[in-house]
Amino acid sequence: MTTKLDPKKITQLLDQSTRQLDGKILSALQQSRAQALQRQSTPVQVLGFAGDGWTHFPLPRSARQWITIGLLALALASGANLWWQHTRHQQIIDTDVEILTDELPIELFVD
Protein backbone atom coordinates (compact mmCIF):
# COMPACT_ATOMS: atom_id res chain seq x y z
CA MET A 1 0.00 0.00 0.00
CA THR A 2 1.46 3.33 -1.04
CA THR A 3 0.17 6.66 0.14
CA LYS A 4 0.98 9.95 -1.44
CA LEU A 5 2.76 12.28 0.98
CA ASP A 6 1.75 15.92 0.94
CA PRO A 7 4.74 18.12 1.89
CA LYS A 8 2.49 20.98 3.05
CA LYS A 9 0.56 18.72 5.38
CA ILE A 10 3.77 17.21 6.78
CA THR A 11 5.12 20.73 7.38
CA GLN A 12 1.94 21.72 9.22
CA LEU A 13 2.06 18.60 11.40
CA LEU A 14 5.71 19.19 12.27
CA ASP A 15 5.02 22.84 13.11
CA GLN A 16 2.14 21.82 15.39
CA SER A 17 4.29 19.22 17.12
CA THR A 18 7.11 21.74 17.58
CA ARG A 19 4.77 24.14 19.39
CA GLN A 20 3.94 21.39 21.87
CA LEU A 21 7.56 20.70 22.85
CA ASP A 22 9.17 21.86 26.08
CA GLY A 23 11.56 24.86 25.98
CA LYS A 24 14.56 22.71 26.99
CA ILE A 25 13.90 20.30 24.17
CA LEU A 26 13.52 23.14 21.65
CA SER A 27 16.80 24.65 22.86
CA ALA A 28 18.58 21.29 22.51
CA LEU A 29 17.16 20.85 19.00
CA GLN A 30 18.30 24.34 17.99
CA GLN A 31 21.81 23.63 19.32
CA SER A 32 21.93 20.33 17.44
CA ARG A 33 20.82 22.07 14.27
CA ALA A 34 23.48 24.77 14.66
CA GLN A 35 26.17 22.11 15.22
CA ALA A 36 25.02 20.16 12.17
CA LEU A 37 25.11 23.28 10.01
CA GLN A 38 28.60 24.11 11.29
CA ARG A 39 29.85 20.58 10.49
CA GLN A 40 28.34 20.83 7.04
CA SER A 41 30.25 24.04 6.29
CA THR A 42 33.65 22.64 7.29
CA PRO A 43 35.70 20.88 4.57
CA VAL A 44 35.82 17.10 4.45
CA GLN A 45 38.98 15.76 6.08
CA VAL A 46 40.88 12.81 4.62
CA LEU A 47 44.19 11.22 5.42
CA GLY A 48 47.12 12.25 3.30
CA PHE A 49 50.81 11.50 3.57
CA ALA A 50 53.19 14.38 4.24
CA GLY A 51 56.94 14.12 4.67
CA ASP A 52 56.79 13.71 8.44
CA GLY A 53 53.74 11.45 8.71
CA TRP A 54 50.01 11.30 8.10
CA THR A 55 48.16 14.57 8.06
CA HIS A 56 44.71 15.87 7.17
CA PHE A 57 44.02 17.95 4.10
CA PRO A 58 40.65 19.19 2.83
CA LEU A 59 39.18 17.79 -0.35
CA PRO A 60 37.82 20.41 -2.70
CA ARG A 61 34.06 20.16 -2.90
CA SER A 62 32.84 22.77 -5.36
CA ALA A 63 32.56 22.26 -9.09
CA ARG A 64 34.77 25.30 -9.66
CA GLN A 65 37.58 23.70 -7.66
CA TRP A 66 37.29 20.41 -9.59
CA ILE A 67 37.37 22.31 -12.89
CA THR A 68 40.43 24.27 -11.75
CA ILE A 69 42.24 21.07 -10.75
CA GLY A 70 41.34 19.48 -14.09
CA LEU A 71 42.60 22.47 -16.05
CA LEU A 72 45.85 22.54 -14.07
CA ALA A 73 46.39 18.83 -14.70
CA LEU A 74 45.69 19.35 -18.41
CA ALA A 75 48.14 22.26 -18.55
CA LEU A 76 50.80 20.20 -16.78
CA ALA A 77 50.31 17.23 -19.13
CA SER A 78 50.36 19.51 -22.19
CA GLY A 79 53.54 21.21 -21.00
CA ALA A 80 55.25 17.87 -20.38
CA ASN A 81 54.21 16.65 -23.84
CA LEU A 82 55.51 19.80 -25.52
CA TRP A 83 58.82 19.52 -23.66
CA TRP A 84 59.17 15.85 -24.68
CA GLN A 85 58.38 16.66 -28.33
CA HIS A 86 60.90 19.53 -28.35
CA THR A 87 63.60 17.33 -26.80
CA ARG A 88 62.92 14.52 -29.28
CA HIS A 89 62.91 16.95 -32.21
CA GLN A 90 66.22 18.40 -31.05
CA GLN A 91 67.75 14.89 -30.86
CA ILE A 92 66.64 14.17 -34.43
CA ILE A 93 68.12 17.47 -35.63
CA ASP A 94 71.42 16.72 -33.86
CA THR A 95 71.56 13.26 -35.43
CA ASP A 96 70.82 14.69 -38.91
CA VAL A 97 73.59 17.27 -38.51
CA GLU A 98 76.07 14.58 -37.42
CA ILE A 99 75.15 12.43 -40.43
CA LEU A 100 75.51 15.32 -42.86
CA THR A 101 78.86 16.45 -41.43
CA ASP A 102 80.27 12.92 -41.25
CA GLU A 103 80.84 13.17 -37.51
CA LEU A 104 79.26 9.80 -36.77
CA PRO A 105 81.60 6.83 -36.44
CA ILE A 106 81.57 4.35 -39.32
CA GLU A 107 80.45 1.57 -36.96
CA LEU A 108 76.96 3.07 -36.84
CA PHE A 109 76.52 2.55 -40.58
CA VAL A 110 77.77 -1.05 -40.65
CA ASP A 111 75.10 -3.44 -39.60
C-alpha atoms as a PDB file:
ATOM      1  CA  MET A   1       0.000   0.000   0.000  1.00  0.00           C
ATOM      2  CA  THR A   2       1.458   3.326  -1.039  1.00  0.00           C
ATOM      3  CA  THR A   3       0.172   6.662   0.143  1.00  0.00           C
ATOM      4  CA  LYS A   4       0.978   9.950  -1.438  1.00  0.00           C
ATOM      5  CA  LEU A   5       2.756  12.284   0.982  1.00  0.00           C
ATOM      6  CA  ASP A   6       1.747  15.917   0.936  1.00  0.00           C
ATOM      7  CA  PRO A   7       4.737  18.119   1.888  1.00  0.00           C
ATOM      8  CA  LYS A   8       2.493  20.975   3.054  1.00  0.00           C
ATOM      9  CA  LYS A   9       0.564  18.717   5.380  1.00  0.00           C
ATOM     10  CA  ILE A  10       3.770  17.207   6.777  1.00  0.00           C
ATOM     11  CA  THR A  11       5.117  20.729   7.385  1.00  0.00           C
ATOM     12  CA  GLN A  12       1.942  21.716   9.217  1.00  0.00           C
ATOM     13  CA  LEU A  13       2.063  18.601  11.400  1.00  0.00           C
ATOM     14  CA  LEU A  14       5.709  19.186  12.270  1.00  0.00           C
ATOM     15  CA  ASP A  15       5.017  22.838  13.106  1.00  0.00           C
ATOM     16  CA  GLN A  16       2.137  21.819  15.392  1.00  0.00           C
ATOM     17  CA  SER A  17       4.291  19.221  17.116  1.00  0.00           C
ATOM     18  CA  THR A  18       7.107  21.739  17.579  1.00  0.00           C
ATOM     19  CA  ARG A  19       4.767  24.140  19.388  1.00  0.00           C
ATOM     20  CA  GLN A  20       3.935  21.390  21.870  1.00  0.00           C
ATOM     21  CA  LEU A  21       7.560  20.702  22.847  1.00  0.00           C
ATOM     22  CA  ASP A  22       9.167  21.863  26.078  1.00  0.00           C
ATOM     23  CA  GLY A  23      11.557  24.857  25.981  1.00  0.00           C
ATOM     24  CA  LYS A  24      14.556  22.712  26.990  1.00  0.00           C
ATOM     25  CA  ILE A  25      13.902  20.303  24.167  1.00  0.00           C
ATOM     26  CA  LEU A  26      13.520  23.136  21.653  1.00  0.00           C
ATOM     27  CA  SER A  27      16.797  24.649  22.863  1.00  0.00           C
ATOM     28  CA  ALA A  28      18.580  21.294  22.511  1.00  0.00           C
ATOM     29  CA  LEU A  29      17.156  20.853  18.997  1.00  0.00           C
ATOM     30  CA  GLN A  30      18.303  24.338  17.985  1.00  0.00           C
ATOM     31  CA  GLN A  31      21.805  23.626  19.323  1.00  0.00           C
ATOM     32  CA  SER A  32      21.929  20.331  17.439  1.00  0.00           C
ATOM     33  CA  ARG A  33      20.819  22.067  14.265  1.00  0.00           C
ATOM     34  CA  ALA A  34      23.482  24.767  14.663  1.00  0.00           C
ATOM     35  CA  GLN A  35      26.168  22.114  15.218  1.00  0.00           C
ATOM     36  CA  ALA A  36      25.021  20.158  12.170  1.00  0.00           C
ATOM     37  CA  LEU A  37      25.111  23.284  10.009  1.00  0.00           C
ATOM     38  CA  GLN A  38      28.604  24.108  11.285  1.00  0.00           C
ATOM     39  CA  ARG A  39      29.847  20.582  10.490  1.00  0.00           C
ATOM     40  CA  GLN A  40      28.338  20.826   7.036  1.00  0.00           C
ATOM     41  CA  SER A  41      30.246  24.042   6.290  1.00  0.00           C
ATOM     42  CA  THR A  42      33.651  22.638   7.286  1.00  0.00           C
ATOM     43  CA  PRO A  43      35.699  20.878   4.568  1.00  0.00           C
ATOM     44  CA  VAL A  44      35.817  17.097   4.452  1.00  0.00           C
ATOM     45  CA  GLN A  45      38.982  15.760   6.077  1.00  0.00           C
ATOM     46  CA  VAL A  46      40.878  12.813   4.624  1.00  0.00           C
ATOM     47  CA  LEU A  47      44.193  11.216   5.425  1.00  0.00           C
ATOM     48  CA  GLY A  48      47.117  12.252   3.298  1.00  0.00           C
ATOM     49  CA  PHE A  49      50.815  11.497   3.572  1.00  0.00           C
ATOM     50  CA  ALA A  50      53.186  14.380   4.238  1.00  0.00           C
ATOM     51  CA  GLY A  51      56.943  14.119   4.668  1.00  0.00           C
ATOM     52  CA  ASP A  52      56.787  13.712   8.436  1.00  0.00           C
ATOM     53  CA  GLY A  53      53.744  11.447   8.706  1.00  0.00           C
ATOM     54  CA  TRP A  54      50.012  11.302   8.103  1.00  0.00           C
ATOM     55  CA  THR A  55      48.155  14.574   8.063  1.00  0.00           C
ATOM     56  CA  HIS A  56      44.711  15.870   7.172  1.00  0.00           C
ATOM     57  CA  PHE A  57      44.024  17.952   4.103  1.00  0.00           C
ATOM     58  CA  PRO A  58      40.653  19.188   2.827  1.00  0.00           C
ATOM     59  CA  LEU A  59      39.182  17.790  -0.351  1.00  0.00           C
ATOM     60  CA  PRO A  60      37.815  20.409  -2.701  1.00  0.00           C
ATOM     61  CA  ARG A  61      34.064  20.162  -2.900  1.00  0.00           C
ATOM     62  CA  SER A  62      32.838  22.766  -5.361  1.00  0.00           C
ATOM     63  CA  ALA A  63      32.557  22.261  -9.093  1.00  0.00           C
ATOM     64  CA  ARG A  64      34.769  25.305  -9.663  1.00  0.00           C
ATOM     65  CA  GLN A  65      37.580  23.704  -7.663  1.00  0.00           C
ATOM     66  CA  TRP A  66      37.291  20.412  -9.585  1.00  0.00           C
ATOM     67  CA  ILE A  67      37.369  22.313 -12.888  1.00  0.00           C
ATOM     68  CA  THR A  68      40.428  24.270 -11.745  1.00  0.00           C
ATOM     69  CA  ILE A  69      42.240  21.074 -10.751  1.00  0.00           C
ATOM     70  CA  GLY A  70      41.344  19.475 -14.088  1.00  0.00           C
ATOM     71  CA  LEU A  71      42.605  22.474 -16.054  1.00  0.00           C
ATOM     72  CA  LEU A  72      45.853  22.545 -14.069  1.00  0.00           C
ATOM     73  CA  ALA A  73      46.386  18.831 -14.697  1.00  0.00           C
ATOM     74  CA  LEU A  74      45.689  19.347 -18.412  1.00  0.00           C
ATOM     75  CA  ALA A  75      48.137  22.261 -18.555  1.00  0.00           C
ATOM     76  CA  LEU A  76      50.800  20.198 -16.780  1.00  0.00           C
ATOM     77  CA  ALA A  77      50.313  17.234 -19.127  1.00  0.00           C
ATOM     78  CA  SER A  78      50.363  19.509 -22.191  1.00  0.00           C
ATOM     79  CA  GLY A  79      53.537  21.213 -20.996  1.00  0.00           C
ATOM     80  CA  ALA A  80      55.253  17.872 -20.382  1.00  0.00           C
ATOM     81  CA  ASN A  81      54.212  16.652 -23.838  1.00  0.00           C
ATOM     82  CA  LEU A  82      55.514  19.805 -25.516  1.00  0.00           C
ATOM     83  CA  TRP A  83      58.815  19.518 -23.655  1.00  0.00           C
ATOM     84  CA  TRP A  84      59.172  15.852 -24.683  1.00  0.00           C
ATOM     85  CA  GLN A  85      58.384  16.661 -28.334  1.00  0.00           C
ATOM     86  CA  HIS A  86      60.896  19.528 -28.345  1.00  0.00           C
ATOM     87  CA  THR A  87      63.599  17.326 -26.799  1.00  0.00           C
ATOM     88  CA  ARG A  88      62.917  14.522 -29.279  1.00  0.00           C
ATOM     89  CA  HIS A  89      62.912  16.946 -32.214  1.00  0.00           C
ATOM     90  CA  GLN A  90      66.221  18.397 -31.046  1.00  0.00           C
ATOM     91  CA  GLN A  91      67.746  14.893 -30.858  1.00  0.00           C
ATOM     92  CA  ILE A  92      66.640  14.173 -34.427  1.00  0.00           C
ATOM     93  CA  ILE A  93      68.124  17.467 -35.634  1.00  0.00           C
ATOM     94  CA  ASP A  94      71.415  16.722 -33.857  1.00  0.00           C
ATOM     95  CA  THR A  95      71.563  13.261 -35.433  1.00  0.00           C
ATOM     96  CA  ASP A  96      70.822  14.686 -38.908  1.00  0.00           C
ATOM     97  CA  VAL A  97      73.593  17.269 -38.508  1.00  0.00           C
ATOM     98  CA  GLU A  98      76.065  14.583 -37.418  1.00  0.00           C
ATOM     99  CA  ILE A  99      75.147  12.430 -40.425  1.00  0.00           C
ATOM    100  CA  LEU A 100      75.511  15.324 -42.860  1.00  0.00           C
ATOM    101  CA  THR A 101      78.864  16.451 -41.430  1.00  0.00           C
ATOM    102  CA  ASP A 102      80.269  12.921 -41.254  1.00  0.00           C
ATOM    103  CA  GLU A 103      80.843  13.169 -37.513  1.00  0.00           C
ATOM    104  CA  LEU A 104      79.259   9.800 -36.766  1.00  0.00           C
ATOM    105  CA  PRO A 105      81.605   6.832 -36.435  1.00  0.00           C
ATOM    106  CA  ILE A 106      81.568   4.353 -39.315  1.00  0.00           C
ATOM    107  CA  GLU A 107      80.454   1.575 -36.959  1.00  0.00           C
ATOM    108  CA  LEU A 108      76.965   3.070 -36.845  1.00  0.00           C
ATOM    109  CA  PHE A 109      76.517   2.547 -40.580  1.00  0.00           C
ATOM    110  CA  VAL A 110      77.773  -1.048 -40.646  1.00  0.00           C
ATOM    111  CA  ASP A 111      75.099  -3.438 -39.595  1.00  0.00           C
END
